[in-house]
C-alpha atoms as a PDB file:
ATOM      1  CA  UNK A   1       0.247 -38.762  53.595  1.00  0.00           C
ATOM      2  CA  UNK A   2      -1.981 -39.823  56.466  1.00  0.00           C
ATOM      3  CA  UNK A   3       0.265 -39.179  59.669  1.00  0.00           C
ATOM      4  CA  UNK A   4      -1.512 -42.120  61.294  1.00  0.00           C
ATOM      5  CA  UNK A   5      -0.349 -44.227  58.691  1.00  0.00           C
ATOM      6  CA  UNK A   6       3.341 -43.005  58.930  1.00  0.00           C
ATOM      7  CA  UNK A   7       3.133 -43.712  62.650  1.00  0.00           C
ATOM      8  CA  UNK A   8       1.232 -46.775  63.191  1.00  0.00           C
ATOM      9  CA  UNK A   9      -1.174 -47.858  66.063  1.00  0.00           C
ATOM     10  CA  UNK A  10      -0.572 -48.702  69.299  1.00  0.00           C
ATOM     11  CA  UNK A  11      -3.026 -51.085  70.737  1.00  0.00           C
ATOM     12  CA  UNK A  12      -1.679 -52.377  73.989  1.00  0.00           C
ATOM     13  CA  UNK A  13      -1.591 -49.595  75.949  1.00  0.00           C
ATOM     14  CA  UNK A  14      -1.301 -50.375  79.807  1.00  0.00           C
ATOM     15  CA  UNK A  15      -1.697 -47.872  82.603  1.00  0.00           C
ATOM     16  CA  UNK A  16      -4.208 -44.853  82.537  1.00  0.00           C
ATOM     17  CA  UNK A  17      -1.087 -42.251  82.653  1.00  0.00           C
ATOM     18  CA  UNK A  18       0.662 -44.227  80.519  1.00  0.00           C
ATOM     19  CA  UNK A  19      -2.032 -44.099  77.789  1.00  0.00           C
ATOM     20  CA  UNK A  20      -2.504 -40.614  78.443  1.00  0.00           C
ATOM     21  CA  UNK A  21       1.114 -39.392  77.876  1.00  0.00           C
ATOM     22  CA  UNK A  22       0.912 -41.506  74.945  1.00  0.00           C
ATOM     23  CA  UNK A  23      -2.304 -39.938  73.412  1.00  0.00           C
ATOM     24  CA  UNK A  24      -0.635 -36.455  74.264  1.00  0.00           C
ATOM     25  CA  UNK A  25       2.421 -37.588  72.181  1.00  0.00           C
ATOM     26  CA  UNK A  26      -0.007 -39.019  69.191  1.00  0.00           C
ATOM     27  CA  UNK A  27      -1.733 -35.615  69.199  1.00  0.00           C
ATOM     28  CA  UNK A  28       1.568 -33.760  69.270  1.00  0.00           C
ATOM     29  CA  UNK A  29       2.683 -35.938  66.260  1.00  0.00           C
ATOM     30  CA  UNK A  30      -0.191 -35.321  64.379  1.00  0.00           C
ATOM     31  CA  UNK A  31      -0.110 -31.801  64.706  1.00  0.00           C
ATOM     32  CA  UNK A  32       3.355 -31.336  63.651  1.00  0.00           C
ATOM     33  CA  UNK A  33       3.055 -33.837  60.523  1.00  0.00           C
ATOM     34  CA  UNK A  34      -0.191 -32.176  59.572  1.00  0.00           C
ATOM     35  CA  UNK A  35       1.570 -28.484  60.054  1.00  0.00           C
ATOM     36  CA  UNK A  36       4.737 -29.814  58.040  1.00  0.00           C
ATOM     37  CA  UNK A  37       2.956 -31.770  54.962  1.00  0.00           C
ATOM     38  CA  UNK A  38       0.754 -28.316  54.830  1.00  0.00           C
ATOM     39  CA  UNK A  39       3.695 -26.132  54.331  1.00  0.00           C
ATOM     40  CA  UNK A  40       5.602 -28.949  52.196  1.00  0.00           C
ATOM     41  CA  UNK A  41       2.504 -28.762  49.909  1.00  0.00           C
ATOM     42  CA  UNK A  42       2.524 -25.140  49.380  1.00  0.00           C
ATOM     43  CA  UNK A  43       6.281 -25.519  48.408  1.00  0.00           C
ATOM     44  CA  UNK A  44       5.942 -25.172  44.513  1.00  0.00           C
ATOM     45  CA  UNK A  45       8.967 -23.698  43.505  1.00  0.00           C
ATOM     46  CA  UNK A  46      12.383 -22.895  44.955  1.00  0.00           C
ATOM     47  CA  UNK A  47      12.185 -20.227  47.373  1.00  0.00           C
ATOM     48  CA  UNK A  48      14.880 -20.380  50.039  1.00  0.00           C
ATOM     49  CA  UNK A  49      13.001 -18.602  52.709  1.00  0.00           C
ATOM     50  CA  UNK A  50      10.029 -21.292  52.483  1.00  0.00           C
ATOM     51  CA  UNK A  51      12.842 -24.165  52.629  1.00  0.00           C
ATOM     52  CA  UNK A  52      14.354 -22.209  55.451  1.00  0.00           C
ATOM     53  CA  UNK A  53      11.257 -22.133  57.358  1.00  0.00           C
ATOM     54  CA  UNK A  54      10.408 -26.221  56.716  1.00  0.00           C
ATOM     55  CA  UNK A  55      13.926 -26.693  58.013  1.00  0.00           C
ATOM     56  CA  UNK A  56      13.230 -24.969  61.193  1.00  0.00           C
ATOM     57  CA  UNK A  57      10.051 -26.615  61.045  1.00  0.00           C
ATOM     58  CA  UNK A  58      11.832 -29.950  60.973  1.00  0.00           C
ATOM     59  CA  UNK A  59      14.169 -28.924  63.592  1.00  0.00           C
ATOM     60  CA  UNK A  60      11.587 -27.767  66.402  1.00  0.00           C
ATOM     61  CA  UNK A  61       9.713 -31.115  65.586  1.00  0.00           C
ATOM     62  CA  UNK A  62      13.204 -33.548  65.784  1.00  0.00           C
ATOM     63  CA  UNK A  63      11.190 -36.154  67.648  1.00  0.00           C
ATOM     64  CA  UNK A  64       9.044 -36.832  64.878  1.00  0.00           C
ATOM     65  CA  UNK A  65      11.937 -37.077  62.416  1.00  0.00           C
ATOM     66  CA  UNK A  66      11.092 -40.465  61.047  1.00  0.00           C
ATOM     67  CA  UNK A  67       7.648 -38.984  60.205  1.00  0.00           C
ATOM     68  CA  UNK A  68       8.884 -36.083  58.604  1.00  0.00           C
ATOM     69  CA  UNK A  69      10.895 -37.916  56.468  1.00  0.00           C
ATOM     70  CA  UNK A  70       7.831 -40.025  55.467  1.00  0.00           C
ATOM     71  CA  UNK A  71       6.169 -36.579  54.534  1.00  0.00           C
ATOM     72  CA  UNK A  72       9.109 -35.475  52.101  1.00  0.00           C
ATOM     73  CA  UNK A  73       9.471 -38.782  50.502  1.00  0.00           C
ATOM     74  CA  UNK A  74       5.748 -39.290  49.896  1.00  0.00           C
ATOM     75  CA  UNK A  75       5.631 -35.577  48.366  1.00  0.00           C
ATOM     76  CA  UNK A  76       8.727 -36.303  46.513  1.00  0.00           C
ATOM     77  CA  UNK A  77       7.221 -39.513  44.749  1.00  0.00           C
ATOM     78  CA  UNK A  78       3.864 -37.657  44.200  1.00  0.00           C
ATOM     79  CA  UNK A  79       5.549 -35.141  41.975  1.00  0.00           C
ATOM     80  CA  UNK A  80       7.622 -37.021  40.585  1.00  0.00           C
ATOM     81  CA  UNK A  81       4.667 -39.191  39.013  1.00  0.00           C
ATOM     82  CA  UNK A  82       2.844 -36.445  38.347  1.00  0.00           C
ATOM     83  CA  UNK A  83       5.477 -35.353  36.131  1.00  0.00           C
ATOM     84  CA  UNK A  84       5.854 -38.307  34.873  1.00  0.00           C
ATOM     85  CA  UNK A  85       2.071 -38.850  33.563  1.00  0.00           C
ATOM     86  CA  UNK A  86       2.289 -35.369  32.066  1.00  0.00           C
ATOM     87  CA  UNK A  87       5.203 -36.127  29.798  1.00  0.00           C
END
């Protein structure tokens, strides 16, 4: 799942300082999403330590909760569809 798709694109930013702040926020969001998604994809079996680590990562990035939920939903759909196609 591409984090840029999850967060959308903000085309109308008005001041340079505001734009810089928005760009930093977007970069932080992108990094957090990429890290969470990568770690979630590594979860291939029920592993309490790995799930705890994902929980901590989500808590540390609470500002991006909607993005993280979208990543989780996409992963569930991906796994679900994979299992249906291989039955």
